[in-house]
């Protein structure tokens, strides 16, 4: 009898956990690239210039927020507009990846 009860309870718990993990979140940070993160390596280049050059060389766009670097997945043309700038990103966070639903300039 206990085995029959454990399976449905486990399925409900896993289902609920996946729903919470996929809930949309709002994160404020700076658009960068995954290789440089918060510390741009190109001398004599702005953060925007370094970000764009690193992306051209194969790095992914990233969001630096609170000491963490999140890889951004979505419309690269939108990310490019905000390279080096402070933004508000809304999307689903999974580990260190954000599937971006929207990105706007930060008001601060």
N, C-alpha and C. Protein backbone atom coordinates (compact mmCIF):
# COMPACT_ATOMS: atom_id res chain seq x y z
N UNK A 1 0.81 -1.20 0.00
CA UNK A 1 0.00 0.00 0.00
C UNK A 1 0.86 1.27 0.00
N UNK A 2 1.97 1.23 0.78
CA UNK A 2 2.83 2.41 0.85
C UNK A 2 3.51 2.70 -0.48
N UNK A 3 3.89 1.67 -1.23
CA UNK A 3 4.56 1.86 -2.52
C UNK A 3 3.62 2.53 -3.50
N UNK A 4 2.35 2.17 -3.48
CA UNK A 4 1.37 2.77 -4.38
C UNK A 4 1.19 4.26 -4.07
N UNK A 5 1.37 4.65 -2.84
CA UNK A 5 1.20 6.04 -2.43
C UNK A 5 2.46 6.87 -2.70
N UNK A 6 3.63 6.26 -2.63
CA UNK A 6 4.88 7.00 -2.81
C UNK A 6 5.03 7.52 -4.24
N UNK A 7 4.69 6.74 -5.23
CA UNK A 7 4.87 7.15 -6.63
C UNK A 7 4.09 8.42 -6.97
N UNK A 8 2.79 8.51 -6.66
CA UNK A 8 2.06 9.75 -6.98
C UNK A 8 2.58 10.96 -6.21
N UNK A 9 2.96 10.76 -4.95
CA UNK A 9 3.48 11.87 -4.15
C UNK A 9 4.80 12.37 -4.73
N UNK A 10 5.67 11.45 -5.13
CA UNK A 10 6.95 11.83 -5.74
C UNK A 10 6.71 12.57 -7.06
N UNK A 11 5.77 12.10 -7.86
CA UNK A 11 5.48 12.76 -9.13
C UNK A 11 4.96 14.17 -8.91
N UNK A 12 4.09 14.36 -7.92
CA UNK A 12 3.59 15.70 -7.60
C UNK A 12 4.71 16.62 -7.14
N UNK A 13 5.59 16.12 -6.30
CA UNK A 13 6.71 16.93 -5.80
C UNK A 13 7.63 17.35 -6.93
N UNK A 14 7.96 16.43 -7.83
CA UNK A 14 8.83 16.77 -8.96
C UNK A 14 8.15 17.75 -9.90
N UNK A 15 6.88 17.57 -10.13
CA UNK A 15 6.13 18.49 -10.99
C UNK A 15 6.10 19.89 -10.42
N UNK A 16 5.85 20.00 -9.13
CA UNK A 16 5.82 21.31 -8.48
C UNK A 16 7.19 21.97 -8.51
N UNK A 17 8.24 21.21 -8.30
CA UNK A 17 9.60 21.76 -8.34
C UNK A 17 9.93 22.31 -9.73
N UNK A 18 9.52 21.61 -10.76
CA UNK A 18 9.83 22.08 -12.12
C UNK A 18 9.03 23.33 -12.45
N UNK A 19 7.82 23.46 -11.92
CA UNK A 19 7.03 24.67 -12.15
C UNK A 19 7.70 25.87 -11.51
N UNK A 20 8.20 25.72 -10.28
CA UNK A 20 8.87 26.83 -9.61
C UNK A 20 10.18 27.18 -10.31
N UNK A 21 10.89 26.22 -10.82
CA UNK A 21 12.16 26.47 -11.49
C UNK A 21 11.95 27.23 -12.79
N UNK A 22 10.80 27.06 -13.42
CA UNK A 22 10.54 27.69 -14.71
C UNK A 22 9.75 28.99 -14.59
N UNK A 23 9.45 29.44 -13.39
CA UNK A 23 8.70 30.67 -13.21
C UNK A 23 9.55 31.85 -13.71
N UNK A 24 8.89 32.80 -14.37
CA UNK A 24 9.60 33.97 -14.88
C UNK A 24 10.13 34.81 -13.72
N UNK A 25 11.33 35.34 -13.91
CA UNK A 25 11.96 36.18 -12.90
C UNK A 25 12.40 37.49 -13.54
N UNK A 26 12.61 38.49 -12.72
CA UNK A 26 13.12 39.78 -13.17
C UNK A 26 14.47 40.00 -12.51
N UNK A 27 15.49 40.24 -13.33
CA UNK A 27 16.85 40.43 -12.82
C UNK A 27 17.44 41.69 -13.43
N UNK A 28 18.05 42.52 -12.61
CA UNK A 28 18.72 43.73 -13.07
C UNK A 28 20.22 43.47 -13.09
N UNK A 29 20.89 43.92 -14.15
CA UNK A 29 22.33 43.74 -14.25
C UNK A 29 22.87 44.46 -15.46
N UNK A 30 24.09 44.09 -15.85
CA UNK A 30 24.77 44.71 -16.99
C UNK A 30 24.99 43.67 -18.07
N UNK A 31 24.69 44.05 -19.32
CA UNK A 31 24.90 43.14 -20.45
C UNK A 31 26.40 43.09 -20.75
N UNK A 32 26.92 41.88 -20.74
CA UNK A 32 28.34 41.63 -21.02
C UNK A 32 28.41 40.40 -21.92
N UNK A 33 29.54 39.72 -21.86
CA UNK A 33 29.69 38.46 -22.58
C UNK A 33 30.16 37.40 -21.59
N UNK A 34 29.92 36.14 -21.93
CA UNK A 34 30.21 35.05 -21.01
C UNK A 34 31.71 34.88 -20.76
N UNK A 35 32.55 35.25 -21.70
CA UNK A 35 33.99 35.09 -21.52
C UNK A 35 34.54 36.12 -20.52
N UNK A 36 34.18 37.38 -20.70
CA UNK A 36 34.72 38.43 -19.84
C UNK A 36 33.95 38.58 -18.53
N UNK A 37 32.66 38.36 -18.57
CA UNK A 37 31.84 38.57 -17.37
C UNK A 37 31.90 40.02 -16.94
N UNK A 38 32.27 40.25 -15.68
CA UNK A 38 32.33 41.61 -15.15
C UNK A 38 33.66 42.31 -15.41
N UNK A 39 34.65 41.56 -15.88
CA UNK A 39 35.99 42.12 -16.05
C UNK A 39 36.43 42.03 -17.51
N UNK A 40 36.20 43.11 -18.24
CA UNK A 40 36.55 43.13 -19.67
C UNK A 40 38.06 43.15 -19.85
N UNK A 41 38.52 42.38 -20.83
CA UNK A 41 39.96 42.16 -21.01
C UNK A 41 40.59 42.99 -22.14
N UNK A 42 39.76 43.59 -23.00
CA UNK A 42 40.33 44.37 -24.10
C UNK A 42 40.76 45.74 -23.59
N UNK A 43 42.03 46.02 -23.75
CA UNK A 43 42.55 47.34 -23.33
C UNK A 43 42.06 48.39 -24.32
N UNK A 44 41.84 49.58 -23.81
CA UNK A 44 41.42 50.73 -24.61
C UNK A 44 40.10 50.50 -25.35
N UNK A 45 39.23 49.66 -24.80
CA UNK A 45 37.90 49.44 -25.38
C UNK A 45 36.86 49.63 -24.30
N UNK A 46 35.71 50.17 -24.67
CA UNK A 46 34.62 50.31 -23.71
C UNK A 46 34.04 48.92 -23.43
N UNK A 47 33.21 48.85 -22.40
CA UNK A 47 32.55 47.58 -22.08
C UNK A 47 31.70 47.11 -23.26
N UNK A 48 31.03 48.04 -23.92
CA UNK A 48 30.19 47.70 -25.07
C UNK A 48 31.04 47.16 -26.23
N UNK A 49 32.16 47.83 -26.51
CA UNK A 49 33.04 47.39 -27.60
C UNK A 49 33.62 46.01 -27.32
N UNK A 50 34.07 45.78 -26.09
CA UNK A 50 34.64 44.50 -25.72
C UNK A 50 33.59 43.40 -25.82
N UNK A 51 32.39 43.68 -25.31
CA UNK A 51 31.31 42.69 -25.36
C UNK A 51 31.01 42.30 -26.81
N UNK A 52 30.86 43.28 -27.67
CA UNK A 52 30.53 42.99 -29.07
C UNK A 52 31.64 42.21 -29.76
N UNK A 53 32.88 42.56 -29.48
CA UNK A 53 34.01 41.86 -30.11
C UNK A 53 34.09 40.41 -29.61
N UNK A 54 33.90 40.20 -28.34
CA UNK A 54 33.94 38.84 -27.80
C UNK A 54 32.80 37.98 -28.37
N UNK A 55 31.62 38.59 -28.53
CA UNK A 55 30.49 37.86 -29.12
C UNK A 55 30.80 37.51 -30.58
N UNK A 56 31.43 38.43 -31.30
CA UNK A 56 31.82 38.14 -32.69
C UNK A 56 32.77 36.94 -32.75
N UNK A 57 33.57 36.80 -31.70
CA UNK A 57 34.56 35.71 -31.65
C UNK A 57 33.99 34.42 -31.05
N UNK A 58 32.68 34.40 -30.78
CA UNK A 58 32.05 33.16 -30.35
C UNK A 58 31.51 33.11 -28.94
N UNK A 59 31.76 34.13 -28.15
CA UNK A 59 31.23 34.14 -26.78
C UNK A 59 29.73 34.42 -26.82
N UNK A 60 29.02 34.03 -25.78
CA UNK A 60 27.58 34.32 -25.67
C UNK A 60 27.38 35.63 -24.92
N UNK A 61 26.25 36.29 -25.21
CA UNK A 61 25.88 37.45 -24.39
C UNK A 61 25.58 36.95 -22.99
N UNK A 62 25.85 37.80 -22.00
CA UNK A 62 25.64 37.42 -20.61
C UNK A 62 25.09 38.61 -19.83
N UNK A 63 24.53 38.31 -18.68
CA UNK A 63 24.07 39.34 -17.76
C UNK A 63 24.87 39.18 -16.47
N UNK A 64 25.53 40.27 -16.05
CA UNK A 64 26.28 40.26 -14.80
C UNK A 64 25.38 40.92 -13.75
N UNK A 65 25.05 40.15 -12.70
CA UNK A 65 24.15 40.65 -11.67
C UNK A 65 24.54 40.08 -10.32
N UNK A 66 24.80 40.94 -9.37
CA UNK A 66 25.10 40.49 -8.02
C UNK A 66 26.26 39.51 -7.93
N UNK A 67 27.28 39.71 -8.74
CA UNK A 67 28.44 38.83 -8.71
C UNK A 67 28.28 37.55 -9.52
N UNK A 68 27.10 37.34 -10.10
CA UNK A 68 26.86 36.15 -10.92
C UNK A 68 26.86 36.54 -12.39
N UNK A 69 27.25 35.58 -13.23
CA UNK A 69 27.22 35.78 -14.68
C UNK A 69 26.25 34.77 -15.26
N UNK A 70 25.16 35.28 -15.85
CA UNK A 70 24.14 34.44 -16.47
C UNK A 70 24.27 34.50 -17.99
N UNK A 71 24.26 33.37 -18.65
CA UNK A 71 24.25 33.33 -20.11
C UNK A 71 22.85 33.69 -20.58
N UNK A 72 22.76 34.59 -21.56
CA UNK A 72 21.47 35.01 -22.09
C UNK A 72 21.13 34.23 -23.35
N UNK A 73 19.93 33.70 -23.39
CA UNK A 73 19.42 32.99 -24.57
C UNK A 73 18.22 33.75 -25.10
N UNK A 74 18.24 34.04 -26.39
CA UNK A 74 17.13 34.78 -26.99
C UNK A 74 17.61 35.58 -28.19
N UNK A 75 17.02 36.76 -28.38
CA UNK A 75 17.28 37.61 -29.54
C UNK A 75 18.60 38.36 -29.37
N UNK A 76 19.63 37.90 -30.06
CA UNK A 76 20.96 38.51 -29.94
C UNK A 76 20.98 39.96 -30.40
N UNK A 77 20.13 40.31 -31.36
CA UNK A 77 20.07 41.70 -31.81
C UNK A 77 19.60 42.62 -30.68
N UNK A 78 18.68 42.14 -29.85
CA UNK A 78 18.22 42.92 -28.70
C UNK A 78 19.33 43.06 -27.67
N UNK A 79 20.06 41.97 -27.42
CA UNK A 79 21.16 42.03 -26.45
C UNK A 79 22.23 43.00 -26.91
N UNK A 80 22.51 42.99 -28.22
CA UNK A 80 23.54 43.86 -28.78
C UNK A 80 23.22 45.34 -28.55
N UNK A 81 21.96 45.69 -28.62
CA UNK A 81 21.56 47.09 -28.40
C UNK A 81 21.94 47.58 -27.01
N UNK A 82 22.00 46.66 -26.05
CA UNK A 82 22.25 47.02 -24.66
C UNK A 82 23.64 46.61 -24.18
N UNK A 83 24.55 46.27 -25.07
CA UNK A 83 25.90 45.84 -24.68
C UNK A 83 26.55 46.90 -23.79
N UNK A 84 27.03 46.46 -22.64
CA UNK A 84 27.71 47.35 -21.71
C UNK A 84 26.80 48.22 -20.86
N UNK A 85 25.49 48.07 -21.02
CA UNK A 85 24.54 48.92 -20.31
C UNK A 85 23.81 48.16 -19.20
N UNK A 86 23.27 48.93 -18.26
CA UNK A 86 22.46 48.37 -17.19
C UNK A 86 21.05 48.13 -17.71
N UNK A 87 20.53 46.92 -17.45
CA UNK A 87 19.23 46.52 -18.00
C UNK A 87 18.39 45.78 -16.96
N UNK A 88 17.13 45.61 -17.31
CA UNK A 88 16.21 44.76 -16.56
C UNK A 88 15.81 43.64 -17.51
N UNK A 89 16.08 42.40 -17.09
CA UNK A 89 15.77 41.23 -17.91
C UNK A 89 14.65 40.45 -17.24
N UNK A 90 13.65 40.07 -18.03
CA UNK A 90 12.59 39.20 -17.54
C UNK A 90 12.68 37.91 -18.32
N UNK A 91 12.67 36.79 -17.60
CA UNK A 91 12.74 35.50 -18.27
C UNK A 91 12.83 34.35 -17.30
N UNK A 92 13.04 33.18 -17.84
CA UNK A 92 13.11 31.96 -17.04
C UNK A 92 14.57 31.62 -16.76
N UNK A 93 14.88 31.45 -15.48
CA UNK A 93 16.24 31.14 -15.05
C UNK A 93 16.35 29.64 -14.81
N UNK A 94 17.38 29.06 -15.42
CA UNK A 94 17.68 27.65 -15.20
C UNK A 94 19.18 27.54 -14.97
N UNK A 95 19.58 27.41 -13.71
CA UNK A 95 21.00 27.38 -13.38
C UNK A 95 21.62 28.74 -13.64
N UNK A 96 22.56 28.80 -14.60
CA UNK A 96 23.22 30.06 -14.94
C UNK A 96 22.79 30.55 -16.32
N UNK A 97 21.63 30.10 -16.79
CA UNK A 97 21.11 30.51 -18.09
C UNK A 97 19.76 31.18 -17.92
N UNK A 98 19.58 32.29 -18.63
CA UNK A 98 18.29 32.98 -18.63
C UNK A 98 17.72 32.91 -20.05
N UNK A 99 16.54 32.33 -20.19
CA UNK A 99 15.80 32.37 -21.45
C UNK A 99 14.99 33.67 -21.40
N UNK A 100 15.43 34.65 -22.16
CA UNK A 100 14.93 36.01 -22.04
C UNK A 100 13.59 36.19 -22.75
N UNK A 101 12.62 36.73 -21.99
CA UNK A 101 11.33 37.11 -22.56
C UNK A 101 11.35 38.58 -22.97
N UNK A 102 12.01 39.42 -22.15
CA UNK A 102 12.13 40.84 -22.49
C UNK A 102 13.38 41.42 -21.84
N UNK A 103 13.89 42.48 -22.47
CA UNK A 103 15.05 43.20 -21.95
C UNK A 103 14.81 44.68 -22.19
N UNK A 104 14.98 45.48 -21.14
CA UNK A 104 14.77 46.93 -21.24
C UNK A 104 15.89 47.63 -20.48
N UNK A 105 16.11 48.90 -20.83
CA UNK A 105 17.11 49.71 -20.14
C UNK A 105 16.68 49.90 -18.69
N UNK A 106 17.64 49.84 -17.78
CA UNK A 106 17.36 50.06 -16.37
C UNK A 106 17.12 51.55 -16.15
N UNK A 107 16.19 51.87 -15.28
CA UNK A 107 15.87 53.28 -15.02
C UNK A 107 16.88 53.94 -14.10
N UNK A 108 17.72 53.14 -13.44
CA UNK A 108 18.69 53.73 -12.51
C UNK A 108 20.05 53.86 -13.11
